[in-house]
Amino acid sequence: KKAAKTKVENFMKTLSNAIDTQTKVSKGRQCSESKMDNLEAATNILNATEDIARTLASTLEVGSKTEIKLGNISMTVMKKQLSDNTVSEWEAGDIKVNLPDQPNIAQDDSSVTVSFTSYNNLGSLMTSNDDFISPVLSVNVIK
């Protein structure tokens, strides 16, 4: 579990630096091709986030979670037992999420596994307006 978390932390640090670098490079190039490339890169990052969360989830026992908190990226993967009226709650900076746990998202053992990831620097790759930048939230239910 710890080895997987360490590898993900190192990868996320590198990823965050790459996002920052790409954002700086893109501000110098305002062509539509560059913006489409940035949007595709952001989409790929979000898809990879789901795969990373699935890998981290495989290391968890019911009732546990793993958290990664970096300057621009926060991620929590949690696995818990489904029961009546439970909610998966997560908070990172100004982002707060309350996700109702439902039987249709439970695994065969009646556990619910979810991941929450916020990227404070990814929004700039996803917008055509450089004046508008917001964090990007990725929520994944892992079955």
N, C-alpha and C. Protein backbone atom coordinates (compact mmCIF):
# COMPACT_ATOMS: atom_id res chain seq x y z
N LYS A 1 0.83 -1.19 0.00
CA LYS A 1 0.00 0.00 0.00
C LYS A 1 0.88 1.26 0.00
N LYS A 2 1.87 1.29 0.88
CA LYS A 2 2.73 2.47 0.98
C LYS A 2 3.56 2.67 -0.29
N ALA A 3 4.04 1.57 -0.87
CA ALA A 3 4.84 1.66 -2.09
C ALA A 3 4.01 2.23 -3.24
N ALA A 4 2.76 1.77 -3.35
CA ALA A 4 1.87 2.28 -4.40
C ALA A 4 1.61 3.76 -4.20
N LYS A 5 1.35 4.16 -2.96
CA LYS A 5 1.09 5.57 -2.67
C LYS A 5 2.30 6.43 -3.00
N THR A 6 3.49 5.97 -2.64
CA THR A 6 4.72 6.72 -2.93
C THR A 6 4.92 6.89 -4.43
N LYS A 7 4.69 5.82 -5.19
CA LYS A 7 4.83 5.91 -6.65
C LYS A 7 3.84 6.90 -7.24
N VAL A 8 2.61 6.86 -6.74
CA VAL A 8 1.59 7.79 -7.25
C VAL A 8 1.94 9.22 -6.87
N GLU A 9 2.40 9.44 -5.65
CA GLU A 9 2.80 10.79 -5.23
C GLU A 9 3.89 11.33 -6.14
N ASN A 10 4.90 10.52 -6.41
CA ASN A 10 5.99 10.95 -7.28
C ASN A 10 5.49 11.25 -8.69
N PHE A 11 4.61 10.39 -9.20
CA PHE A 11 4.04 10.62 -10.53
C PHE A 11 3.23 11.91 -10.54
N MET A 12 2.41 12.14 -9.51
CA MET A 12 1.57 13.34 -9.45
C MET A 12 2.41 14.61 -9.36
N LYS A 13 3.52 14.56 -8.65
CA LYS A 13 4.42 15.72 -8.59
C LYS A 13 4.96 16.04 -9.98
N THR A 14 5.40 15.01 -10.69
CA THR A 14 5.92 15.19 -12.05
C THR A 14 4.81 15.70 -12.96
N LEU A 15 3.63 15.13 -12.83
CA LEU A 15 2.49 15.54 -13.65
C LEU A 15 2.13 17.00 -13.39
N SER A 16 2.11 17.40 -12.14
CA SER A 16 1.78 18.79 -11.80
C SER A 16 2.79 19.76 -12.41
N ASN A 17 4.07 19.40 -12.33
CA ASN A 17 5.11 20.24 -12.95
C ASN A 17 4.92 20.32 -14.46
N ALA A 18 4.56 19.20 -15.09
CA ALA A 18 4.34 19.19 -16.54
C ALA A 18 3.13 20.06 -16.91
N ILE A 19 2.07 20.01 -16.11
CA ILE A 19 0.91 20.86 -16.37
C ILE A 19 1.31 22.33 -16.28
N ASP A 20 2.05 22.68 -15.23
CA ASP A 20 2.50 24.07 -15.07
C ASP A 20 3.34 24.52 -16.25
N THR A 21 4.25 23.66 -16.70
CA THR A 21 5.11 23.99 -17.84
C THR A 21 4.28 24.17 -19.10
N GLN A 22 3.35 23.27 -19.34
CA GLN A 22 2.50 23.35 -20.53
C GLN A 22 1.65 24.61 -20.51
N THR A 23 1.16 24.98 -19.34
CA THR A 23 0.35 26.19 -19.22
C THR A 23 1.17 27.42 -19.59
N LYS A 24 2.42 27.48 -19.14
CA LYS A 24 3.28 28.61 -19.46
C LYS A 24 3.59 28.66 -20.96
N VAL A 25 3.87 27.52 -21.55
CA VAL A 25 4.17 27.45 -22.98
C VAL A 25 2.95 27.86 -23.79
N SER A 26 1.78 27.41 -23.38
CA SER A 26 0.54 27.68 -24.12
C SER A 26 0.16 29.15 -24.09
N LYS A 27 0.50 29.85 -23.04
CA LYS A 27 0.17 31.27 -22.98
C LYS A 27 0.90 32.05 -24.06
N GLY A 28 2.03 31.54 -24.51
CA GLY A 28 2.77 32.19 -25.59
C GLY A 28 2.20 31.86 -26.96
N ARG A 29 1.47 30.76 -27.08
CA ARG A 29 0.86 30.34 -28.35
C ARG A 29 -0.64 30.34 -28.19
N GLN A 30 -1.32 31.17 -28.90
CA GLN A 30 -2.77 31.27 -28.75
C GLN A 30 -3.54 30.66 -29.92
N CYS A 31 -2.95 29.76 -30.66
CA CYS A 31 -3.65 29.18 -31.81
C CYS A 31 -4.64 28.10 -31.35
N SER A 32 -5.64 27.86 -32.19
CA SER A 32 -6.69 26.90 -31.83
C SER A 32 -6.14 25.48 -31.74
N GLU A 33 -5.10 25.17 -32.54
CA GLU A 33 -4.51 23.83 -32.48
C GLU A 33 -3.89 23.58 -31.11
N SER A 34 -3.22 24.59 -30.58
CA SER A 34 -2.60 24.47 -29.25
C SER A 34 -3.67 24.25 -28.19
N LYS A 35 -4.78 24.97 -28.28
CA LYS A 35 -5.86 24.81 -27.31
C LYS A 35 -6.49 23.42 -27.39
N MET A 36 -6.63 22.88 -28.60
CA MET A 36 -7.16 21.53 -28.76
C MET A 36 -6.18 20.50 -28.18
N ASP A 37 -4.89 20.72 -28.40
CA ASP A 37 -3.87 19.83 -27.82
C ASP A 37 -3.96 19.85 -26.29
N ASN A 38 -4.14 21.04 -25.73
CA ASN A 38 -4.24 21.17 -24.27
C ASN A 38 -5.48 20.46 -23.74
N LEU A 39 -6.59 20.60 -24.46
CA LEU A 39 -7.82 19.94 -24.03
C LEU A 39 -7.67 18.42 -24.10
N GLU A 40 -7.03 17.94 -25.13
CA GLU A 40 -6.78 16.50 -25.25
C GLU A 40 -5.87 16.01 -24.13
N ALA A 41 -4.84 16.79 -23.81
CA ALA A 41 -3.94 16.42 -22.72
C ALA A 41 -4.69 16.38 -21.39
N ALA A 42 -5.55 17.35 -21.14
CA ALA A 42 -6.33 17.38 -19.91
C ALA A 42 -7.26 16.17 -19.82
N THR A 43 -7.87 15.82 -20.93
CA THR A 43 -8.74 14.65 -20.98
C THR A 43 -7.95 13.38 -20.67
N ASN A 44 -6.77 13.26 -21.23
CA ASN A 44 -5.93 12.09 -20.97
C ASN A 44 -5.52 12.02 -19.50
N ILE A 45 -5.25 13.16 -18.90
CA ILE A 45 -4.89 13.21 -17.48
C ILE A 45 -6.06 12.72 -16.63
N LEU A 46 -7.27 13.16 -16.95
CA LEU A 46 -8.43 12.72 -16.19
C LEU A 46 -8.70 11.23 -16.38
N ASN A 47 -8.48 10.72 -17.57
CA ASN A 47 -8.62 9.27 -17.80
C ASN A 47 -7.58 8.49 -17.00
N ALA A 48 -6.36 9.00 -16.97
CA ALA A 48 -5.29 8.33 -16.20
C ALA A 48 -5.60 8.38 -14.70
N THR A 49 -6.24 9.45 -14.26
CA THR A 49 -6.61 9.58 -12.85
C THR A 49 -7.52 8.42 -12.43
N GLU A 50 -8.44 8.06 -13.29
CA GLU A 50 -9.33 6.94 -12.99
C GLU A 50 -8.54 5.63 -12.86
N ASP A 51 -7.58 5.41 -13.76
CA ASP A 51 -6.76 4.20 -13.70
C ASP A 51 -5.90 4.18 -12.43
N ILE A 52 -5.35 5.32 -12.08
CA ILE A 52 -4.53 5.42 -10.87
C ILE A 52 -5.38 5.12 -9.63
N ALA A 53 -6.57 5.69 -9.59
CA ALA A 53 -7.46 5.45 -8.46
C ALA A 53 -7.81 3.97 -8.34
N ARG A 54 -8.04 3.32 -9.46
CA ARG A 54 -8.37 1.89 -9.45
C ARG A 54 -7.21 1.08 -8.87
N THR A 55 -5.99 1.46 -9.25
CA THR A 55 -4.81 0.76 -8.73
C THR A 55 -4.67 0.97 -7.23
N LEU A 56 -4.82 2.21 -6.78
CA LEU A 56 -4.73 2.48 -5.34
C LEU A 56 -5.84 1.77 -4.58
N ALA A 57 -7.04 1.72 -5.15
CA ALA A 57 -8.17 1.06 -4.49
C ALA A 57 -7.89 -0.42 -4.27
N SER A 58 -7.16 -1.02 -5.18
CA SER A 58 -6.86 -2.45 -5.04
C SER A 58 -5.98 -2.74 -3.83
N THR A 59 -5.35 -1.72 -3.26
CA THR A 59 -4.50 -1.91 -2.08
C THR A 59 -5.25 -1.67 -0.77
N LEU A 60 -6.51 -1.25 -0.86
CA LEU A 60 -7.26 -0.87 0.34
C LEU A 60 -8.13 -1.99 0.89
N GLU A 61 -8.28 -1.98 2.20
CA GLU A 61 -9.23 -2.85 2.89
C GLU A 61 -10.48 -2.01 3.14
N VAL A 62 -11.61 -2.68 3.34
CA VAL A 62 -12.84 -1.97 3.67
C VAL A 62 -12.63 -1.18 4.96
N GLY A 63 -13.03 0.08 4.94
CA GLY A 63 -12.86 0.94 6.10
C GLY A 63 -11.58 1.76 6.08
N SER A 64 -10.84 1.70 4.96
CA SER A 64 -9.59 2.46 4.90
C SER A 64 -9.60 3.41 3.70
N LYS A 65 -8.61 4.28 3.69
CA LYS A 65 -8.46 5.22 2.59
C LYS A 65 -7.00 5.60 2.46
N THR A 66 -6.66 6.13 1.31
CA THR A 66 -5.32 6.67 1.11
C THR A 66 -5.47 8.08 0.57
N GLU A 67 -4.62 8.97 1.05
CA GLU A 67 -4.71 10.38 0.67
C GLU A 67 -3.37 10.88 0.15
N ILE A 68 -3.44 11.69 -0.88
CA ILE A 68 -2.26 12.35 -1.43
C ILE A 68 -2.58 13.84 -1.50
N LYS A 69 -1.76 14.64 -0.88
CA LYS A 69 -1.97 16.09 -0.88
C LYS A 69 -0.68 16.76 -1.33
N LEU A 70 -0.75 17.36 -2.51
CA LEU A 70 0.38 18.11 -3.06
C LEU A 70 -0.07 19.56 -3.26
N GLY A 71 0.83 20.39 -3.70
CA GLY A 71 0.50 21.80 -3.90
C GLY A 71 -0.68 22.03 -4.83
N ASN A 72 -0.73 21.33 -5.96
CA ASN A 72 -1.79 21.54 -6.94
C ASN A 72 -2.72 20.36 -7.13
N ILE A 73 -2.43 19.24 -6.48
CA ILE A 73 -3.23 18.04 -6.66
C ILE A 73 -3.54 17.42 -5.31
N SER A 74 -4.82 17.12 -5.10
CA SER A 74 -5.24 16.38 -3.90
C SER A 74 -6.05 15.18 -4.37
N MET A 75 -5.76 14.01 -3.79
CA MET A 75 -6.47 12.79 -4.17
C MET A 75 -6.75 11.97 -2.92
N THR A 76 -7.97 11.45 -2.85
CA THR A 76 -8.34 10.51 -1.80
C THR A 76 -9.07 9.35 -2.46
N VAL A 77 -8.67 8.15 -2.11
CA VAL A 77 -9.37 6.94 -2.53
C VAL A 77 -9.83 6.26 -1.25
N MET A 78 -11.14 5.99 -1.15
CA MET A 78 -11.67 5.38 0.07
C MET A 78 -12.53 4.17 -0.27
N LYS A 79 -12.47 3.22 0.65
CA LYS A 79 -13.27 2.00 0.50
C LYS A 79 -14.01 1.80 1.81
N LYS A 80 -15.34 1.73 1.73
CA LYS A 80 -16.11 1.60 2.96
C LYS A 80 -17.30 0.68 2.75
N GLN A 81 -17.88 0.25 3.85
CA GLN A 81 -19.03 -0.64 3.80
C GLN A 81 -20.29 0.17 3.52
N LEU A 82 -21.10 -0.32 2.62
CA LEU A 82 -22.37 0.33 2.31
C LEU A 82 -23.34 0.07 3.45
N SER A 83 -24.00 1.12 3.92
CA SER A 83 -25.07 0.98 4.92
C SER A 83 -26.10 2.06 4.62
N ASP A 84 -27.21 2.01 5.29
CA ASP A 84 -28.29 2.96 5.04
C ASP A 84 -27.85 4.39 5.31
N ASN A 85 -28.22 5.27 4.39
CA ASN A 85 -28.01 6.71 4.54
C ASN A 85 -26.56 7.12 4.78
N THR A 86 -25.62 6.45 4.13
CA THR A 86 -24.23 6.87 4.26
C THR A 86 -23.84 7.75 3.08
N VAL A 87 -22.83 8.56 3.30
CA VAL A 87 -22.36 9.51 2.31
C VAL A 87 -20.84 9.46 2.28
N SER A 88 -20.27 9.53 1.11
CA SER A 88 -18.82 9.68 0.98
C SER A 88 -18.54 11.16 0.91
N GLU A 89 -17.81 11.67 1.89
CA GLU A 89 -17.52 13.10 1.96
C GLU A 89 -16.04 13.35 1.71
N TRP A 90 -15.77 14.45 1.03
CA TRP A 90 -14.38 14.81 0.72
C TRP A 90 -14.28 16.30 0.60
N GLU A 91 -13.12 16.82 1.02
CA GLU A 91 -12.89 18.26 0.97
C GLU A 91 -11.42 18.51 0.64
N ALA A 92 -11.20 19.45 -0.27
CA ALA A 92 -9.84 19.89 -0.62
C ALA A 92 -9.92 21.37 -0.96
N GLY A 93 -9.36 22.20 -0.11
CA GLY A 93 -9.43 23.64 -0.35
C GLY A 93 -10.87 24.11 -0.35
N ASP A 94 -11.27 24.78 -1.43
CA ASP A 94 -12.64 25.30 -1.55
C ASP A 94 -13.62 24.27 -2.08
N ILE A 95 -13.15 23.08 -2.43
CA ILE A 95 -14.01 22.06 -3.02
C ILE A 95 -14.51 21.13 -1.93
N LYS A 96 -15.83 20.96 -1.89
CA LYS A 96 -16.46 20.04 -0.93
C LYS A 96 -17.42 19.15 -1.70
N VAL A 97 -17.36 17.84 -1.44
CA VAL A 97 -18.21 16.89 -2.13
C VAL A 97 -18.90 15.98 -1.12
N ASN A 98 -20.20 15.80 -1.29
CA ASN A 98 -20.98 14.83 -0.53
C ASN A 98 -21.66 13.92 -1.55
N LEU A 99 -21.21 12.70 -1.64
CA LEU A 99 -21.73 11.75 -2.62
C LEU A 99 -22.50 10.66 -1.89
N PRO A 100 -23.84 10.59 -2.10
CA PRO A 100 -24.62 9.55 -1.42
C PRO A 100 -24.18 8.16 -1.86
N ASP A 101 -23.99 7.27 -0.91
CA ASP A 101 -23.65 5.89 -1.22
C ASP A 101 -24.94 5.16 -1.60
N GLN A 102 -24.89 4.43 -2.69
CA GLN A 102 -26.08 3.77 -3.21
C GLN A 102 -25.77 2.32 -3.53
N PRO A 103 -26.76 1.44 -3.40
CA PRO A 103 -26.53 0.02 -3.71
C PRO A 103 -26.02 -0.22 -5.13
N ASN A 104 -26.43 0.61 -6.09
CA ASN A 104 -26.01 0.37 -7.47
C ASN A 104 -24.54 0.71 -7.72
N ILE A 105 -23.86 1.33 -6.77
CA ILE A 105 -22.42 1.57 -6.93
C ILE A 105 -21.58 0.64 -6.05
N ALA A 106 -22.27 -0.23 -5.30
CA ALA A 106 -21.55 -1.15 -4.39
C ALA A 106 -20.96 -2.32 -5.16
N GLN A 107 -19.89 -2.83 -4.62
CA GLN A 107 -19.27 -4.03 -5.17
C GLN A 107 -19.97 -5.26 -4.62
N ASP A 108 -19.56 -6.44 -5.06
CA ASP A 108 -20.20 -7.69 -4.63
C ASP A 108 -20.15 -7.90 -3.12
N ASP A 109 -19.13 -7.37 -2.45
CA ASP A 109 -19.00 -7.52 -1.00
C ASP A 109 -19.72 -6.40 -0.22
N SER A 110 -20.57 -5.63 -0.93
CA SER A 110 -21.32 -4.50 -0.36
C SER A 110 -20.43 -3.36 0.10
N SER A 111 -19.25 -3.26 -0.48
CA SER A 111 -18.38 -2.12 -0.19
C SER A 111 -18.54 -1.09 -1.32
N VAL A 112 -18.25 0.15 -0.96
CA VAL A 112 -18.29 1.26 -1.91
C VAL A 112 -16.89 1.84 -1.98
N THR A 113 -16.36 1.95 -3.19
CA THR A 113 -15.03 2.52 -3.38
C THR A 113 -15.14 3.72 -4.31
N VAL A 114 -14.69 4.86 -3.82
CA VAL A 114 -14.74 6.08 -4.62
C VAL A 114 -13.40 6.80 -4.53
N SER A 115 -13.14 7.59 -5.58
CA SER A 115 -11.94 8.44 -5.54
C SER A 115 -12.36 9.86 -5.86
N PHE A 116 -11.70 10.78 -5.20
CA PHE A 116 -11.90 12.21 -5.42
C PHE A 116 -10.53 12.81 -5.71
N THR A 117 -10.42 13.56 -6.78
CA THR A 117 -9.15 14.20 -7.12
C THR A 117 -9.43 15.61 -7.58
N SER A 118 -8.70 16.57 -7.04
CA SER A 118 -8.80 17.95 -7.54
C SER A 118 -7.44 18.37 -8.08
N TYR A 119 -7.51 19.03 -9.21
CA TYR A 119 -6.33 19.60 -9.86
C TYR A 119 -6.51 21.12 -9.87
N ASN A 120 -5.69 21.83 -9.11
CA ASN A 120 -5.80 23.29 -9.09
C ASN A 120 -5.24 23.94 -10.34
N ASN A 121 -4.39 23.21 -11.08
CA ASN A 121 -3.74 23.81 -12.24
C ASN A 121 -4.18 23.22 -13.57
N LEU A 122 -5.15 22.33 -13.59
CA LEU A 122 -5.57 21.69 -14.83
C LEU A 122 -6.60 22.52 -15.60
N GLY A 123 -7.35 23.34 -14.90
CA GLY A 123 -8.39 24.14 -15.56
C GLY A 123 -7.87 25.03 -16.66
N SER A 124 -6.65 25.51 -16.52
CA SER A 124 -6.09 26.40 -17.54
C SER A 124 -5.86 25.68 -18.87
N LEU A 125 -5.74 24.35 -18.84
CA LEU A 125 -5.59 23.61 -20.09
C LEU A 125 -6.94 23.32 -20.74
N MET A 126 -8.02 23.53 -20.00
CA MET A 126 -9.34 23.14 -20.48
C MET A 126 -10.20 24.31 -20.94
N THR A 127 -9.67 25.50 -20.91
CA THR A 127 -10.47 26.66 -21.27
C THR A 127 -9.84 27.43 -22.42
N SER A 128 -10.69 28.07 -23.18
CA SER A 128 -10.17 28.90 -24.26
C SER A 128 -10.00 30.34 -23.79
N ASN A 129 -10.45 30.64 -22.58
CA ASN A 129 -10.36 31.98 -22.03
C ASN A 129 -9.34 31.97 -20.90
N ASP A 130 -8.19 32.57 -21.12
CA ASP A 130 -7.13 32.56 -20.11
C ASP A 130 -7.48 33.35 -18.86
N ASP A 131 -8.55 34.14 -18.93
CA ASP A 131 -8.96 34.92 -17.76
C ASP A 131 -9.76 34.09 -16.77
N PHE A 132 -10.20 32.91 -17.20
CA PHE A 132 -11.04 32.07 -16.35
C PHE A 132 -10.31 30.77 -16.06
N ILE A 133 -9.95 30.58 -14.82
CA ILE A 133 -9.26 29.36 -14.42
C ILE A 133 -9.88 28.88 -13.11
N SER A 134 -10.25 27.61 -13.06
CA SER A 134 -10.80 27.06 -11.84
C SER A 134 -10.24 25.66 -11.63
N PRO A 135 -10.33 25.16 -10.40
CA PRO A 135 -9.90 23.79 -10.16
C PRO A 135 -10.78 22.80 -10.94
N VAL A 136 -10.23 21.65 -11.21
CA VAL A 136 -10.98 20.58 -11.89
C VAL A 136 -11.13 19.44 -10.90
N LEU A 137 -12.34 18.94 -10.77
CA LEU A 137 -12.65 17.85 -9.86
C LEU A 137 -12.94 16.59 -10.66
N SER A 138 -12.31 15.51 -10.26
CA SER A 138 -12.57 14.20 -10.85
C SER A 138 -13.11 13.29 -9.74
N VAL A 139 -14.31 12.74 -9.94
CA VAL A 139 -14.90 11.81 -9.00
C VAL A 139 -15.13 10.50 -9.75
N ASN A 140 -14.62 9.41 -9.20
CA ASN A 140 -14.77 8.10 -9.85
C ASN A 140 -15.29 7.08 -8.86
N VAL A 141 -16.29 6.34 -9.29
CA VAL A 141 -16.78 5.19 -8.53
C VAL A 141 -16.08 3.98 -9.09
N ILE A 142 -15.45 3.22 -8.23
CA ILE A 142 -14.65 2.07 -8.67
C ILE A 142 -15.42 0.79 -8.37
N LYS A 143 -15.72 0.04 -9.40
CA LYS A 143 -16.48 -1.20 -9.23
C LYS A 143 -15.63 -2.38 -9.61
